[in-house]
């Protein structure tokens, strides 16, 4: 189970690190099983996607499953919108 948690955290860390390299500061939040984008470049995200409380980028996986992002295209549309 520990490997499961590390893999999920690593995927999210890689995503945040790559956004930082592009000059995008991104803050994530969560409420089981959703992982939301809270802020992009210190601007509060107000859009809703796959959830009632925020823009969902991923769902916490069940044991033995891998973390999957909801829709990379929609995530980058949101990033573009908040970085203009």
Protein backbone atom coordinates (compact mmCIF):
# COMPACT_ATOMS: atom_id res chain seq x y z
CA UNK A 1 0.00 0.00 0.00
CA UNK A 2 2.90 2.36 0.63
CA UNK A 3 4.01 2.02 -3.01
CA UNK A 4 0.47 2.93 -4.06
CA UNK A 5 0.60 6.22 -2.12
CA UNK A 6 4.08 7.11 -3.36
CA UNK A 7 3.09 6.55 -6.97
CA UNK A 8 0.07 8.83 -6.62
CA UNK A 9 2.09 11.53 -4.85
CA UNK A 10 4.87 11.24 -7.41
CA UNK A 11 2.45 11.74 -10.31
CA UNK A 12 1.00 14.86 -8.68
CA UNK A 13 4.48 16.16 -7.80
CA UNK A 14 5.65 15.66 -11.39
CA UNK A 15 2.57 17.51 -12.68
CA UNK A 16 3.10 20.45 -10.30
CA UNK A 17 6.84 20.52 -11.07
CA UNK A 18 6.23 20.64 -14.81
CA UNK A 19 3.71 23.45 -14.36
CA UNK A 20 6.29 25.37 -12.30
CA UNK A 21 8.87 24.94 -15.09
CA UNK A 22 6.33 26.54 -17.44
CA UNK A 23 5.97 29.45 -15.03
CA UNK A 24 2.59 28.34 -13.71
CA UNK A 25 2.05 28.19 -9.96
CA UNK A 26 -0.71 25.68 -9.29
CA UNK A 27 -2.30 24.79 -5.94
CA UNK A 28 -4.28 21.59 -5.49
CA UNK A 29 -6.86 20.66 -2.89
CA UNK A 30 -8.98 17.65 -2.30
CA UNK A 31 -12.00 16.05 -0.79
CA UNK A 32 -12.07 12.27 -1.11
CA UNK A 33 -12.12 11.07 -3.89
CA UNK A 34 -11.70 14.35 -5.84
CA UNK A 35 -8.48 16.30 -6.44
CA UNK A 36 -9.23 19.91 -7.34
CA UNK A 37 -7.27 22.84 -8.75
CA UNK A 38 -7.69 25.56 -6.12
CA UNK A 39 -5.48 28.30 -7.58
CA UNK A 40 -3.51 29.01 -10.72
CA UNK A 41 -0.94 31.80 -10.41
CA UNK A 42 -2.59 32.89 -7.17
CA UNK A 43 -5.98 33.36 -8.86
CA UNK A 44 -8.85 31.37 -7.33
CA UNK A 45 -10.34 28.87 -9.81
CA UNK A 46 -14.15 29.14 -9.96
CA UNK A 47 -14.96 26.65 -12.74
CA UNK A 48 -16.59 23.29 -12.06
CA UNK A 49 -15.53 20.11 -13.86
CA UNK A 50 -16.45 16.54 -12.82
CA UNK A 51 -17.46 17.77 -9.37
CA UNK A 52 -19.72 20.13 -7.47
CA UNK A 53 -17.05 22.08 -5.60
CA UNK A 54 -14.25 22.77 -8.05
CA UNK A 55 -12.32 21.85 -11.16
CA UNK A 56 -11.45 18.16 -10.76
CA UNK A 57 -8.15 17.14 -12.34
CA UNK A 58 -8.10 13.59 -10.95
CA UNK A 59 -9.79 11.13 -8.64
CA UNK A 60 -8.01 9.35 -5.82
CA UNK A 61 -7.57 5.79 -7.07
CA UNK A 62 -8.68 2.65 -5.32
CA UNK A 63 -6.03 0.32 -3.96
CA UNK A 64 -4.21 -1.34 -6.82
CA UNK A 65 -5.30 1.28 -9.38
CA UNK A 66 -3.25 4.08 -10.84
CA UNK A 67 -4.00 7.80 -10.60
CA UNK A 68 -5.51 9.03 -13.87
CA UNK A 69 -6.09 12.65 -14.83
CA UNK A 70 -9.65 13.49 -15.88
CA UNK A 71 -8.99 15.32 -19.17
CA UNK A 72 -5.57 16.79 -19.93
CA UNK A 73 -7.01 18.97 -22.71
CA UNK A 74 -9.53 20.60 -20.35
CA UNK A 75 -6.86 21.04 -17.67
CA UNK A 76 -4.61 22.93 -20.08
CA UNK A 77 -7.53 25.05 -21.34
CA UNK A 78 -8.08 26.09 -17.73
CA UNK A 79 -4.36 26.82 -17.23
CA UNK A 80 -4.29 28.96 -20.39
CA UNK A 81 -7.33 30.90 -19.22
CA UNK A 82 -5.79 31.75 -15.83
CA UNK A 83 -2.30 32.57 -17.14
CA UNK A 84 -3.32 35.27 -19.63
